[in-house]
C-alpha atoms as a PDB file:
ATOM      1  CA  MET A   1       0.000   0.000   0.000  1.00  0.00           C
ATOM      2  CA  ARG A   2       1.243   3.467  -0.906  1.00  0.00           C
ATOM      3  CA  THR A   3       1.040   6.238   1.658  1.00  0.00           C
ATOM      4  CA  ILE A   4       0.494   9.610   0.030  1.00  0.00           C
ATOM      5  CA  GLU A   5       0.850  12.728   2.140  1.00  0.00           C
ATOM      6  CA  ILE A   6      -1.236  15.727   1.124  1.00  0.00           C
ATOM      7  CA  ASP A   7      -0.037  18.912   2.854  1.00  0.00           C
ATOM      8  CA  ILE A   8      -2.608  21.679   2.415  1.00  0.00           C
ATOM      9  CA  THR A   9      -0.803  24.244   4.588  1.00  0.00           C
ATOM     10  CA  ASN A  10      -0.051  26.723   1.784  1.00  0.00           C
ATOM     11  CA  ILE A  11      -3.010  26.052  -0.481  1.00  0.00           C
ATOM     12  CA  GLN A  12      -5.279  29.093  -0.720  1.00  0.00           C
ATOM     13  CA  THR A  13      -7.978  28.083  -3.219  1.00  0.00           C
ATOM     14  CA  VAL A  14     -10.053  25.084  -4.219  1.00  0.00           C
ATOM     15  CA  LYS A  15      -8.663  25.325  -7.752  1.00  0.00           C
ATOM     16  CA  ALA A  16      -5.097  25.170  -6.408  1.00  0.00           C
ATOM     17  CA  LEU A  17      -6.060  22.223  -4.189  1.00  0.00           C
ATOM     18  CA  HIS A  18      -7.337  20.179  -7.113  1.00  0.00           C
ATOM     19  CA  ILE A  19      -4.279  20.994  -9.205  1.00  0.00           C
ATOM     20  CA  TYR A  20      -2.120  19.820  -6.279  1.00  0.00           C
ATOM     21  CA  LEU A  21      -4.228  16.678  -5.777  1.00  0.00           C
ATOM     22  CA  ALA A  22      -3.967  15.833  -9.472  1.00  0.00           C
ATOM     23  CA  TRP A  23      -0.181  16.042  -9.227  1.00  0.00           C
ATOM     24  CA  LYS A  24       0.233  14.269  -5.853  1.00  0.00           C
ATOM     25  CA  LEU A  25      -2.179  11.461  -6.666  1.00  0.00           C
ATOM     26  CA  ASP A  26      -0.984  11.114 -10.269  1.00  0.00           C
ATOM     27  CA  MET A  27      -4.502  11.574 -11.586  1.00  0.00           C
ATOM     28  CA  PRO A  28      -5.360  10.786 -15.205  1.00  0.00           C
ATOM     29  CA  ALA A  29      -5.915  13.608 -17.688  1.00  0.00           C
ATOM     30  CA  HIS A  30      -9.701  13.231 -17.478  1.00  0.00           C
ATOM     31  CA  TYR A  31      -9.777  14.183 -13.758  1.00  0.00           C
ATOM     32  CA  GLY A  32     -12.423  16.921 -13.515  1.00  0.00           C
ATOM     33  CA  ARG A  33     -10.942  18.760 -10.495  1.00  0.00           C
ATOM     34  CA  ASN A  34     -13.917  18.609  -8.148  1.00  0.00           C
ATOM     35  CA  LEU A  35     -14.974  16.279  -5.331  1.00  0.00           C
ATOM     36  CA  ASP A  36     -17.258  14.134  -7.490  1.00  0.00           C
ATOM     37  CA  ALA A  37     -14.468  13.642 -10.015  1.00  0.00           C
ATOM     38  CA  LEU A  38     -11.972  12.920  -7.226  1.00  0.00           C
ATOM     39  CA  HIS A  39     -14.283  10.237  -5.841  1.00  0.00           C
ATOM     40  CA  ASP A  40     -14.695   8.690  -9.288  1.00  0.00           C
ATOM     41  CA  VAL A  41     -10.980   8.661 -10.087  1.00  0.00           C
ATOM     42  CA  LEU A  42     -10.078   7.265  -6.671  1.00  0.00           C
ATOM     43  CA  GLY A  43     -12.549   4.490  -7.438  1.00  0.00           C
ATOM     44  CA  GLU A  44     -10.476   3.672 -10.513  1.00  0.00           C
ATOM     45  CA  CYS A  45      -7.016   3.793  -8.945  1.00  0.00           C
ATOM     46  CA  GLY A  46      -7.179   4.420  -5.192  1.00  0.00           C
ATOM     47  CA  ALA A  47      -7.479   0.958  -3.643  1.00  0.00           C
ATOM     48  CA  ASP A  48      -3.758   0.779  -2.856  1.00  0.00           C
ATOM     49  CA  MET A  49      -3.562   4.346  -1.433  1.00  0.00           C
ATOM     50  CA  HIS A  50      -3.516   5.452   2.181  1.00  0.00           C
ATOM     51  CA  ILE A  51      -4.028   9.210   2.058  1.00  0.00           C
ATOM     52  CA  VAL A  52      -2.670  11.347   4.887  1.00  0.00           C
ATOM     53  CA  LEU A  53      -4.071  14.878   4.938  1.00  0.00           C
ATOM     54  CA  ARG A  54      -1.832  17.335   6.801  1.00  0.00           C
ATOM     55  CA  GLY A  55      -2.033  20.992   7.662  1.00  0.00           C
ATOM     56  CA  GLU A  56      -4.723  23.522   8.340  1.00  0.00           C
ATOM     57  CA  ALA A  57      -6.833  25.431   5.871  1.00  0.00           C
ATOM     58  CA  ALA A  58      -5.082  28.530   4.538  1.00  0.00           C
ATOM     59  CA  GLY A  59      -7.802  31.108   4.071  1.00  0.00           C
ATOM     60  CA  SER A  60     -11.568  31.219   4.162  1.00  0.00           C
ATOM     61  CA  GLU A  61     -12.165  29.434   0.846  1.00  0.00           C
ATOM     62  CA  MET A  62     -10.185  26.397   1.978  1.00  0.00           C
ATOM     63  CA  ALA A  63     -11.670  26.539   5.484  1.00  0.00           C
ATOM     64  CA  ALA A  64     -15.140  26.231   3.959  1.00  0.00           C
ATOM     65  CA  TYR A  65     -14.096  23.436   1.554  1.00  0.00           C
ATOM     66  CA  LEU A  66     -11.920  21.308   3.831  1.00  0.00           C
ATOM     67  CA  PRO A  67     -14.769  19.591   5.750  1.00  0.00           C
ATOM     68  CA  ARG A  68     -16.285  18.447   2.457  1.00  0.00           C
ATOM     69  CA  LEU A  69     -12.926  17.018   1.332  1.00  0.00           C
ATOM     70  CA  GLN A  70     -12.450  15.275   4.671  1.00  0.00           C
ATOM     71  CA  ASP A  71     -15.962  13.788   4.553  1.00  0.00           C
ATOM     72  CA  MET A  72     -15.431  12.521   1.016  1.00  0.00           C
ATOM     73  CA  LEU A  73     -12.093  10.891   1.917  1.00  0.00           C
ATOM     74  CA  THR A  74     -13.637   9.325   5.045  1.00  0.00           C
ATOM     75  CA  ASP A  75     -16.453   7.921   2.904  1.00  0.00           C
ATOM     76  CA  CYS A  76     -13.962   6.576   0.332  1.00  0.00           C
ATOM     77  CA  ALA A  77     -11.997   4.804   3.053  1.00  0.00           C
ATOM     78  CA  GLY A  78     -15.169   3.376   4.590  1.00  0.00           C
ATOM     79  CA  GLU A  79     -16.361   2.102   1.218  1.00  0.00           C
ATOM     80  CA  GLY A  80     -12.971   0.520   0.419  1.00  0.00           C
ATOM     81  CA  ILE A  81     -12.403   2.878  -2.506  1.00  0.00           C
ATOM     82  CA  ILE A  82      -9.072   3.904  -0.956  1.00  0.00           C
ATOM     83  CA  GLY A  83      -6.961   1.796   1.350  1.00  0.00           C
ATOM     84  CA  GLY A  84      -7.177   4.307   4.193  1.00  0.00           C
ATOM     85  CA  TYR A  85      -7.363   7.917   5.242  1.00  0.00           C
ATOM     86  CA  THR A  86      -5.789   9.850   8.101  1.00  0.00           C
ATOM     87  CA  CYS A  87      -6.159  13.525   8.956  1.00  0.00           C
ATOM     88  CA  GLN A  88      -3.338  15.077  10.960  1.00  0.00           C
END
């Protein structure tokens, strides 16, 4: 199982987050850069991933979005779509 650390400390916008996620998670070109697309792509290639989310939201846009990201990753782990999820 691969452990992939996602450090959101310096990420200011949702757009920047999805660009970062696409790079860190080696997403395919068709990744739509939103939570629904992230869920779908993780379903295709995330079974061997343990995702570790680090850092605090940088700015109000990320503070509002972060709980949705955390919920989606928790759901993916619970459904077996990804191998695991930790928030630190």
